[in-house]
PDB file of N, CA and C in Angstrom:
ATOM      1  N   MET A   1    -124.589  -0.550  70.588  1.00  0.00           N
ATOM      2  CA  MET A   1    -125.837  -0.103  70.390  1.00  0.00           C
ATOM      3  C   MET A   1    -125.980   1.150  69.694  1.00  0.00           C
ATOM      4  N   GLU A   2    -126.829   1.155  68.740  1.00  0.00           N
ATOM      5  CA  GLU A   2    -127.231   2.467  68.160  1.00  0.00           C
ATOM      6  C   GLU A   2    -127.925   3.653  69.200  1.00  0.00           C
ATOM      7  N   GLY A   3    -127.424   4.810  69.027  1.00  0.00           N
ATOM      8  CA  GLY A   3    -127.958   5.793  70.013  1.00  0.00           C
ATOM      9  C   GLY A   3    -128.346   6.853  69.422  1.00  0.00           C
ATOM     10  N   GLU A   4    -128.757   7.994  70.187  1.00  0.00           N
ATOM     11  CA  GLU A   4    -129.195   9.200  69.750  1.00  0.00           C
ATOM     12  C   GLU A   4    -128.622  10.205  70.607  1.00  0.00           C
ATOM     13  N   GLU A   5    -128.262  11.445  70.015  1.00  0.00           N
ATOM     14  CA  GLU A   5    -127.623  12.412  71.189  1.00  0.00           C
ATOM     15  C   GLU A   5    -128.397  13.731  70.874  1.00  0.00           C
ATOM     16  N   TRP A   6    -129.223  14.133  72.033  1.00  0.00           N
ATOM     17  CA  TRP A   6    -130.078  15.247  72.184  1.00  0.00           C
ATOM     18  C   TRP A   6    -129.198  16.202  72.921  1.00  0.00           C
ATOM     19  N   LEU A   7    -129.429  17.614  72.713  1.00  0.00           N
ATOM     20  CA  LEU A   7    -128.948  18.464  73.422  1.00  0.00           C
ATOM     21  C   LEU A   7    -130.194  19.175  74.265  1.00  0.00           C
ATOM     22  N   LEU A   8    -130.100  18.986  75.514  1.00  0.00           N
ATOM     23  CA  LEU A   8    -131.164  19.658  76.415  1.00  0.00           C
ATOM     24  C   LEU A   8    -130.592  20.676  77.423  1.00  0.00           C
ATOM     25  N   THR A   9    -131.287  21.781  77.806  1.00  0.00           N
ATOM     26  CA  THR A   9    -131.095  22.620  78.759  1.00  0.00           C
ATOM     27  C   THR A   9    -131.232  21.950  80.082  1.00  0.00           C
ATOM     28  N   PRO A  10    -130.572  22.603  80.954  1.00  0.00           N
ATOM     29  CA  PRO A  10    -130.512  21.969  82.333  1.00  0.00           C
ATOM     30  C   PRO A  10    -131.977  21.659  82.860  1.00  0.00           C
ATOM     31  N   ASP A  11    -132.950  22.803  82.612  1.00  0.00           N
ATOM     32  CA  ASP A  11    -134.141  22.668  83.016  1.00  0.00           C
ATOM     33  C   ASP A  11    -134.973  21.558  82.463  1.00  0.00           C
ATOM     34  N   ALA A  12    -134.772  21.463  81.027  1.00  0.00           N
ATOM     35  CA  ALA A  12    -135.366  20.127  80.265  1.00  0.00           C
ATOM     36  C   ALA A  12    -134.960  19.048  80.682  1.00  0.00           C
ATOM     37  N   LEU A  13    -133.411  18.811  81.088  1.00  0.00           N
ATOM     38  CA  LEU A  13    -132.961  17.662  81.577  1.00  0.00           C
ATOM     39  C   LEU A  13    -133.447  17.191  82.951  1.00  0.00           C
ATOM     40  N   GLY A  14    -133.836  18.254  83.796  1.00  0.00           N
ATOM     41  CA  GLY A  14    -134.570  17.999  84.998  1.00  0.00           C
ATOM     42  C   GLY A  14    -136.015  17.376  84.928  1.00  0.00           C
ATOM     43  N   ARG A  15    -136.610  17.985  83.944  1.00  0.00           N
ATOM     44  CA  ARG A  15    -137.999  17.567  83.796  1.00  0.00           C
ATOM     45  C   ARG A  15    -137.959  16.229  83.274  1.00  0.00           C
ATOM     46  N   LEU A  16    -136.899  15.838  82.304  1.00  0.00           N
ATOM     47  CA  LEU A  16    -136.991  14.593  81.789  1.00  0.00           C
ATOM     48  C   LEU A  16    -136.579  13.400  82.929  1.00  0.00           C
ATOM     49  N   LEU A  17    -135.742  13.929  83.811  1.00  0.00           N
ATOM     50  CA  LEU A  17    -135.213  12.821  84.918  1.00  0.00           C
ATOM     51  C   LEU A  17    -136.500  12.751  85.691  1.00  0.00           C
ATOM     52  N   LEU A  18    -137.422  13.636  85.956  1.00  0.00           N
ATOM     53  CA  LEU A  18    -138.517  13.496  86.801  1.00  0.00           C
ATOM     54  C   LEU A  18    -139.587  12.622  86.127  1.00  0.00           C
ATOM     55  N   SER A  19    -139.413  12.412  84.826  1.00  0.00           N
ATOM     56  CA  SER A  19    -140.459  11.738  84.057  1.00  0.00           C
ATOM     57  C   SER A  19    -140.085  10.313  83.922  1.00  0.00           C
ATOM     58  N   ILE A  20    -138.982   9.915  84.222  1.00  0.00           N
ATOM     59  CA  ILE A  20    -138.510   8.568  83.912  1.00  0.00           C
ATOM     60  C   ILE A  20    -138.781   7.474  85.087  1.00  0.00           C
ATOM     61  N   PRO A  21    -139.598   6.575  84.487  1.00  0.00           N
ATOM     62  CA  PRO A  21    -139.995   5.532  85.713  1.00  0.00           C
ATOM     63  C   PRO A  21    -138.869   4.744  86.154  1.00  0.00           C
ATOM     64  N   ALA A  22    -138.744   4.139  87.422  1.00  0.00           N
ATOM     65  CA  ALA A  22    -138.111   3.177  87.929  1.00  0.00           C
ATOM     66  C   ALA A  22    -138.474   1.846  87.112  1.00  0.00           C
ATOM     67  N   PRO A  23    -137.507   1.071  86.800  1.00  0.00           N
ATOM     68  CA  PRO A  23    -135.998   0.922  87.120  1.00  0.00           C
ATOM     69  C   PRO A  23    -135.058   1.512  86.039  1.00  0.00           C
ATOM     70  N   LEU A  24    -135.841   2.711  85.281  1.00  0.00           N
ATOM     71  CA  LEU A  24    -134.759   3.278  84.328  1.00  0.00           C
ATOM     72  C   LEU A  24    -134.387   4.495  85.197  1.00  0.00           C
ATOM     73  N   GLY A  25    -133.275   5.173  84.564  1.00  0.00           N
ATOM     74  CA  GLY A  25    -132.583   6.442  85.078  1.00  0.00           C
ATOM     75  C   GLY A  25    -131.680   6.988  84.093  1.00  0.00           C
ATOM     76  N   LEU A  26    -131.053   8.029  84.727  1.00  0.00           N
ATOM     77  CA  LEU A  26    -130.330   8.601  83.825  1.00  0.00           C
ATOM     78  C   LEU A  26    -128.809   8.411  84.658  1.00  0.00           C
ATOM     79  N   GLY A  27    -127.698   8.279  83.708  1.00  0.00           N
ATOM     80  CA  GLY A  27    -126.395   7.938  84.058  1.00  0.00           C
ATOM     81  C   GLY A  27    -125.343   8.052  83.221  1.00  0.00           C
ATOM     82  N   ARG A  28    -124.303   8.141  83.501  1.00  0.00           N
ATOM     83  CA  ARG A  28    -123.053   8.128  82.478  1.00  0.00           C
ATOM     84  C   ARG A  28    -123.098   6.778  81.544  1.00  0.00           C
ATOM     85  N   VAL A  29    -122.971   7.152  80.208  1.00  0.00           N
ATOM     86  CA  VAL A  29    -122.772   6.128  79.192  1.00  0.00           C
ATOM     87  C   VAL A  29    -121.498   6.715  78.357  1.00  0.00           C
ATOM     88  N   ARG A  30    -120.770   5.688  78.076  1.00  0.00           N
ATOM     89  CA  ARG A  30    -119.484   5.664  77.055  1.00  0.00           C
ATOM     90  C   ARG A  30    -119.709   5.402  75.822  1.00  0.00           C
ATOM     91  N   THR A  31    -119.615   6.450  74.814  1.00  0.00           N
ATOM     92  CA  THR A  31    -119.899   6.216  73.347  1.00  0.00           C
ATOM     93  C   THR A  31    -118.752   5.229  72.834  1.00  0.00           C
ATOM     94  N   ASP A  32    -118.938   4.877  71.562  1.00  0.00           N
ATOM     95  CA  ASP A  32    -118.004   4.102  70.833  1.00  0.00           C
ATOM     96  C   ASP A  32    -116.420   4.913  70.460  1.00  0.00           C
ATOM     97  N   ASP A  33    -116.860   6.291  70.600  1.00  0.00           N
ATOM     98  CA  ASP A  33    -115.575   7.207  70.289  1.00  0.00           C
ATOM     99  C   ASP A  33    -114.925   7.759  71.392  1.00  0.00           C
ATOM    100  N   GLY A  34    -115.489   6.925  72.793  1.00  0.00           N
ATOM    101  CA  GLY A  34    -114.716   7.248  74.081  1.00  0.00           C
ATOM    102  C   GLY A  34    -115.354   8.453  74.876  1.00  0.00           C
ATOM    103  N   ARG A  35    -116.201   9.193  74.218  1.00  0.00           N
ATOM    104  CA  ARG A  35    -117.066  10.220  75.107  1.00  0.00           C
ATOM    105  C   ARG A  35    -117.947   9.686  76.179  1.00  0.00           C
ATOM    106  N   GLU A  36    -118.104  10.291  77.196  1.00  0.00           N
ATOM    107  CA  GLU A  36    -118.887  10.028  78.225  1.00  0.00           C
ATOM    108  C   GLU A  36    -120.181  10.905  78.373  1.00  0.00           C
ATOM    109  N   LEU A  37    -121.348  10.474  78.113  1.00  0.00           N
ATOM    110  CA  LEU A  37    -122.448  11.269  77.994  1.00  0.00           C
ATOM    111  C   LEU A  37    -123.633  11.040  79.313  1.00  0.00           C
ATOM    112  N   VAL A  38    -124.351  11.745  79.493  1.00  0.00           N
ATOM    113  CA  VAL A  38    -125.667  11.472  80.220  1.00  0.00           C
ATOM    114  C   VAL A  38    -126.447  10.647  79.374  1.00  0.00           C
ATOM    115  N   GLY A  39    -127.071   9.503  79.575  1.00  0.00           N
ATOM    116  CA  GLY A  39    -127.840   8.526  78.909  1.00  0.00           C
ATOM    117  C   GLY A  39    -128.814   7.893  79.882  1.00  0.00           C
ATOM    118  N   PHE A  40    -129.735   7.099  79.112  1.00  0.00           N
ATOM    119  CA  PHE A  40    -130.583   6.228  79.889  1.00  0.00           C
ATOM    120  C   PHE A  40    -129.762   4.843  80.425  1.00  0.00           C
ATOM    121  N   VAL A  41    -130.050   4.603  81.638  1.00  0.00           N
ATOM    122  CA  VAL A  41    -129.669   3.217  82.257  1.00  0.00           C
ATOM    123  C   VAL A  41    -130.697   2.604  83.120  1.00  0.00           C
ATOM    124  N   GLY A  42    -130.545   1.361  83.132  1.00  0.00           N
ATOM    125  CA  GLY A  42    -131.365   0.552  84.017  1.00  0.00           C
ATOM    126  C   GLY A  42    -130.700  -0.300  85.227  1.00  0.00           C
ATOM    127  N   GLN A  43    -131.529  -0.440  86.122  1.00  0.00           N
ATOM    128  CA  GLN A  43    -130.913  -0.981  87.362  1.00  0.00           C
ATOM    129  C   GLN A  43    -130.686  -2.402  86.903  1.00  0.00           C
ATOM    130  N   PRO A  44    -129.438  -2.934  87.386  1.00  0.00           N
ATOM    131  CA  PRO A  44    -129.077  -4.176  87.232  1.00  0.00           C
ATOM    132  C   PRO A  44    -130.019  -5.258  87.873  1.00  0.00           C
ATOM    133  N   GLY A  45    -130.497  -6.196  87.185  1.00  0.00           N
ATOM    134  CA  GLY A  45    -131.272  -7.197  87.781  1.00  0.00           C
ATOM    135  C   GLY A  45    -132.739  -6.716  87.758  1.00  0.00           C
ATOM    136  N   ALA A  46    -133.064  -5.630  87.332  1.00  0.00           N
ATOM    137  CA  ALA A  46    -134.464  -4.996  87.641  1.00  0.00           C
ATOM    138  C   ALA A  46    -135.484  -5.863  86.663  1.00  0.00           C
ATOM    139  N   ALA A  47    -135.409  -6.251  85.673  1.00  0.00           N
ATOM    140  CA  ALA A  47    -136.056  -7.107  84.926  1.00  0.00           C
ATOM    141  C   ALA A  47    -135.410  -8.445  84.322  1.00  0.00           C
ATOM    142  N   PRO A  48    -135.385  -9.344  85.344  1.00  0.00           N
ATOM    143  CA  PRO A  48    -134.677 -10.809  85.011  1.00  0.00           C
ATOM    144  C   PRO A  48    -135.359 -11.448  83.897  1.00  0.00           C
ATOM    145  N   ASP A  49    -136.756 -11.201  83.591  1.00  0.00           N
ATOM    146  CA  ASP A  49    -137.445 -11.982  82.617  1.00  0.00           C
ATOM    147  C   ASP A  49    -137.386 -11.190  81.398  1.00  0.00           C
ATOM    148  N   ALA A  50    -136.843 -10.035  81.285  1.00  0.00           N
ATOM    149  CA  ALA A  50    -136.922  -9.357  80.037  1.00  0.00           C
ATOM    150  C   ALA A  50    -136.028  -9.759  78.802  1.00  0.00           C
ATOM    151  N   THR A  51    -136.479  -9.867  77.397  1.00  0.00           N
ATOM    152  CA  THR A  51    -135.686 -10.306  76.603  1.00  0.00           C
ATOM    153  C   THR A  51    -134.566  -9.324  76.325  1.00  0.00           C
ATOM    154  N   ASP A  52    -133.449 -10.011  76.078  1.00  0.00           N
ATOM    155  CA  ASP A  52    -132.233  -9.064  75.635  1.00  0.00           C
ATOM    156  C   ASP A  52    -132.279  -8.931  74.157  1.00  0.00           C
ATOM    157  N   VAL A  53    -132.493  -7.543  73.668  1.00  0.00           N
ATOM    158  CA  VAL A  53    -132.535  -7.067  72.548  1.00  0.00           C
ATOM    159  C   VAL A  53    -131.210  -6.580  71.947  1.00  0.00           C
ATOM    160  N   THR A  54    -130.134  -6.748  72.657  1.00  0.00           N
ATOM    161  CA  THR A  54    -128.934  -6.132  72.273  1.00  0.00           C
ATOM    162  C   THR A  54    -128.484  -6.276  70.788  1.00  0.00           C
ATOM    163  N   HIS A  55    -128.708  -7.696  70.287  1.00  0.00           N
ATOM    164  CA  HIS A  55    -128.314  -8.000  68.941  1.00  0.00           C
ATOM    165  C   HIS A  55    -129.025  -7.423  67.908  1.00  0.00           C
ATOM    166  N   LEU A  56    -130.221  -6.810  68.146  1.00  0.00           N
ATOM    167  CA  LEU A  56    -130.947  -6.004  67.187  1.00  0.00           C
ATOM    168  C   LEU A  56    -130.348  -4.604  66.926  1.00  0.00           C
ATOM    169  N   GLY A  57    -129.432  -4.182  67.990  1.00  0.00           N
ATOM    170  CA  GLY A  57    -128.809  -2.959  67.473  1.00  0.00           C
ATOM    171  C   GLY A  57    -129.268  -1.434  67.916  1.00  0.00           C
ATOM    172  N   GLY A  58    -130.401  -1.543  68.421  1.00  0.00           N
ATOM    173  CA  GLY A  58    -130.992  -0.228  68.932  1.00  0.00           C
ATOM    174  C   GLY A  58    -132.403  -0.157  69.219  1.00  0.00           C
ATOM    175  N   TRP A  59    -132.897   0.657  69.741  1.00  0.00           N
ATOM    176  CA  TRP A  59    -134.301   0.603  70.330  1.00  0.00           C
ATOM    177  C   TRP A  59    -135.410   0.588  69.154  1.00  0.00           C
ATOM    178  N   ARG A  60    -135.164   1.204  68.032  1.00  0.00           N
ATOM    179  CA  ARG A  60    -135.966   1.461  66.876  1.00  0.00           C
ATOM    180  C   ARG A  60    -136.005  -0.166  66.121  1.00  0.00           C
ATOM    181  N   ALA A  61    -134.981  -0.785  66.074  1.00  0.00           N
ATOM    182  CA  ALA A  61    -135.144  -2.253  65.558  1.00  0.00           C
ATOM    183  C   ALA A  61    -135.796  -3.188  66.578  1.00  0.00           C
ATOM    184  N   ALA A  62    -135.463  -2.892  67.762  1.00  0.00           N
ATOM    185  CA  ALA A  62    -136.256  -3.668  68.808  1.00  0.00           C
ATOM    186  C   ALA A  62    -137.731  -3.619  68.745  1.00  0.00           C
ATOM    187  N   ARG A  63    -138.341  -2.350  68.669  1.00  0.00           N
ATOM    188  CA  ARG A  63    -139.731  -2.051  68.397  1.00  0.00           C
ATOM    189  C   ARG A  63    -140.451  -2.721  67.262  1.00  0.00           C
ATOM    190  N   ALA A  64    -139.506  -2.474  66.138  1.00  0.00           N
ATOM    191  CA  ALA A  64    -140.037  -2.879  64.539  1.00  0.00           C
ATOM    192  C   ALA A  64    -139.954  -4.619  64.833  1.00  0.00           C
ATOM    193  N   ALA A  65    -139.178  -5.147  65.450  1.00  0.00           N
ATOM    194  CA  ALA A  65    -139.091  -6.567  65.592  1.00  0.00           C
ATOM    195  C   ALA A  65    -140.325  -7.124  66.641  1.00  0.00           C
ATOM    196  N   SER A  66    -140.705  -6.470  67.591  1.00  0.00           N
ATOM    197  CA  SER A  66    -141.675  -6.765  68.469  1.00  0.00           C
ATOM    198  C   SER A  66    -143.145  -6.502  67.673  1.00  0.00           C
ATOM    199  N   ALA A  67    -143.218  -5.255  66.977  1.00  0.00           N
ATOM    200  CA  ALA A  67    -144.514  -5.023  66.106  1.00  0.00           C
ATOM    201  C   ALA A  67    -144.609  -6.164  64.987  1.00  0.00           C
ATOM    202  N   ALA A  68    -143.536  -6.656  64.280  1.00  0.00           N
ATOM    203  CA  ALA A  68    -143.582  -7.646  63.377  1.00  0.00           C
ATOM    204  C   ALA A  68    -143.959  -8.965  63.949  1.00  0.00           C
ATOM    205  N   ALA A  69    -143.774  -9.229  65.165  1.00  0.00           N
ATOM    206  CA  ALA A  69    -144.107 -10.434  65.939  1.00  0.00           C
ATOM    207  C   ALA A  69    -145.646 -10.529  66.177  1.00  0.00           C
ATOM    208  N   LEU A  70    -146.282  -9.193  66.217  1.00  0.00           N
ATOM    209  CA  LEU A  70    -147.496  -9.258  66.852  1.00  0.00           C
ATOM    210  C   LEU A  70    -148.589  -9.759  65.765  1.00  0.00           C
ATOM    211  N   PRO A  71    -149.647 -10.560  65.955  1.00  0.00           N
ATOM    212  CA  PRO A  71    -150.501 -10.707  64.778  1.00  0.00           C
ATOM    213  C   PRO A  71    -151.540  -9.528  64.479  1.00  0.00           C
ATOM    214  N   THR A  72    -151.895  -9.476  63.490  1.00  0.00           N
ATOM    215  CA  THR A  72    -152.694  -8.385  63.023  1.00  0.00           C
ATOM    216  C   THR A  72    -154.091  -8.876  62.375  1.00  0.00           C
ATOM    217  N   ALA A  73    -155.143  -7.929  62.806  1.00  0.00           N
ATOM    218  CA  ALA A  73    -156.570  -8.681  62.168  1.00  0.00           C
ATOM    219  C   ALA A  73    -156.543  -8.160  60.754  1.00  0.00           C
ATOM    220  N   PRO A  74    -157.091  -9.141  60.085  1.00  0.00           N
ATOM    221  CA  PRO A  74    -157.445  -9.020  58.455  1.00  0.00           C
ATOM    222  C   PRO A  74    -158.015  -7.584  58.159  1.00  0.00           C
ATOM    223  N   GLY A  75    -157.208  -6.813  57.394  1.00  0.00           N
ATOM    224  CA  GLY A  75    -157.564  -5.646  57.007  1.00  0.00           C
ATOM    225  C   GLY A  75    -157.393  -4.408  57.904  1.00  0.00           C
ATOM    226  N   ALA A  76    -156.656  -4.641  59.190  1.00  0.00           N
ATOM    227  CA  ALA A  76    -156.171  -3.693  60.226  1.00  0.00           C
ATOM    228  C   ALA A  76    -155.064  -3.042  59.434  1.00  0.00           C
ATOM    229  N   ALA A  77    -155.140  -1.606  59.708  1.00  0.00           N
ATOM    230  CA  ALA A  77    -154.094  -0.661  59.396  1.00  0.00           C
ATOM    231  C   ALA A  77    -153.074  -0.789  60.391  1.00  0.00           C
ATOM    232  N   THR A  78    -151.769  -0.313  59.787  1.00  0.00           N
ATOM    233  CA  THR A  78    -150.633  -0.493  60.843  1.00  0.00           C
ATOM    234  C   THR A  78    -150.116   0.965  60.611  1.00  0.00           C
ATOM    235  N   ALA A  79    -149.469   1.329  61.736  1.00  0.00           N
ATOM    236  CA  ALA A  79    -148.624   2.663  61.903  1.00  0.00           C
ATOM    237  C   ALA A  79    -147.436   2.548  62.472  1.00  0.00           C
ATOM    238  N   ASP A  80    -146.459   3.275  61.898  1.00  0.00           N
ATOM    239  CA  ASP A  80    -145.038   3.481  62.508  1.00  0.00           C
ATOM    240  C   ASP A  80    -145.244   4.375  63.861  1.00  0.00           C
ATOM    241  N   ARG A  81    -145.141   3.990  65.029  1.00  0.00           N
ATOM    242  CA  ARG A  81    -145.414   4.731  66.166  1.00  0.00           C
ATOM    243  C   ARG A  81    -143.818   5.028  66.808  1.00  0.00           C
ATOM    244  N   SER A  82    -142.866   4.934  66.034  1.00  0.00           N
ATOM    245  CA  SER A  82    -141.643   5.049  66.660  1.00  0.00           C
ATOM    246  C   SER A  82    -141.217   6.503  66.775  1.00  0.00           C
ATOM    247  N   GLY A  83    -141.865   7.335  66.123  1.00  0.00           N
ATOM    248  CA  GLY A  83    -141.447   8.810  66.204  1.00  0.00           C
ATOM    249  C   GLY A  83    -140.682   9.143  64.839  1.00  0.00           C
ATOM    250  N   PRO A  84    -140.498  10.594  65.024  1.00  0.00           N
ATOM    251  CA  PRO A  84    -139.636  11.025  63.652  1.00  0.00           C
ATOM    252  C   PRO A  84    -138.243  10.464  63.603  1.00  0.00           C
ATOM    253  N   ASP A  85    -137.870  10.353  62.504  1.00  0.00           N
ATOM    254  CA  ASP A  85    -136.374   9.955  62.449  1.00  0.00           C
ATOM    255  C   ASP A  85    -135.535  10.821  62.907  1.00  0.00           C
ATOM    256  N   ARG A  86    -134.556  10.514  63.786  1.00  0.00           N
ATOM    257  CA  ARG A  86    -133.426  11.592  64.210  1.00  0.00           C
ATOM    258  C   ARG A  86    -132.071  10.941  63.988  1.00  0.00           C
ATOM    259  N   LYS A  87    -131.203  11.840  63.461  1.00  0.00           N
ATOM    260  CA  LYS A  87    -129.850  11.155  63.373  1.00  0.00           C
ATOM    261  C   LYS A  87    -128.942  11.269  64.717  1.00  0.00           C
ATOM    262  N   PRO A  88    -128.363  10.243  65.065  1.00  0.00           N
ATOM    263  CA  PRO A  88    -127.625  10.361  66.174  1.00  0.00           C
ATOM    264  C   PRO A  88    -126.719  11.347  66.331  1.00  0.00           C
TER     265      PRO A  88
END
């Protein structure tokens, strides 16, 4: 899966942790190059009816696919709400 790497101060990391709703959390994740970083994790079995989007490659592609599947009203404006592009 595609990911992003952010550098946070310990204080910012603590504030982020407090803002993450269950069943998400922070935990150790291993990158393709073998590093272990703190990253977002989900509790196993927390969303049994959720759609597996792993094949899409990352959260931006999953959001784009979800938005593309939604019907739009004629003449409705669309906006990219995924946030600024950041390089992993």
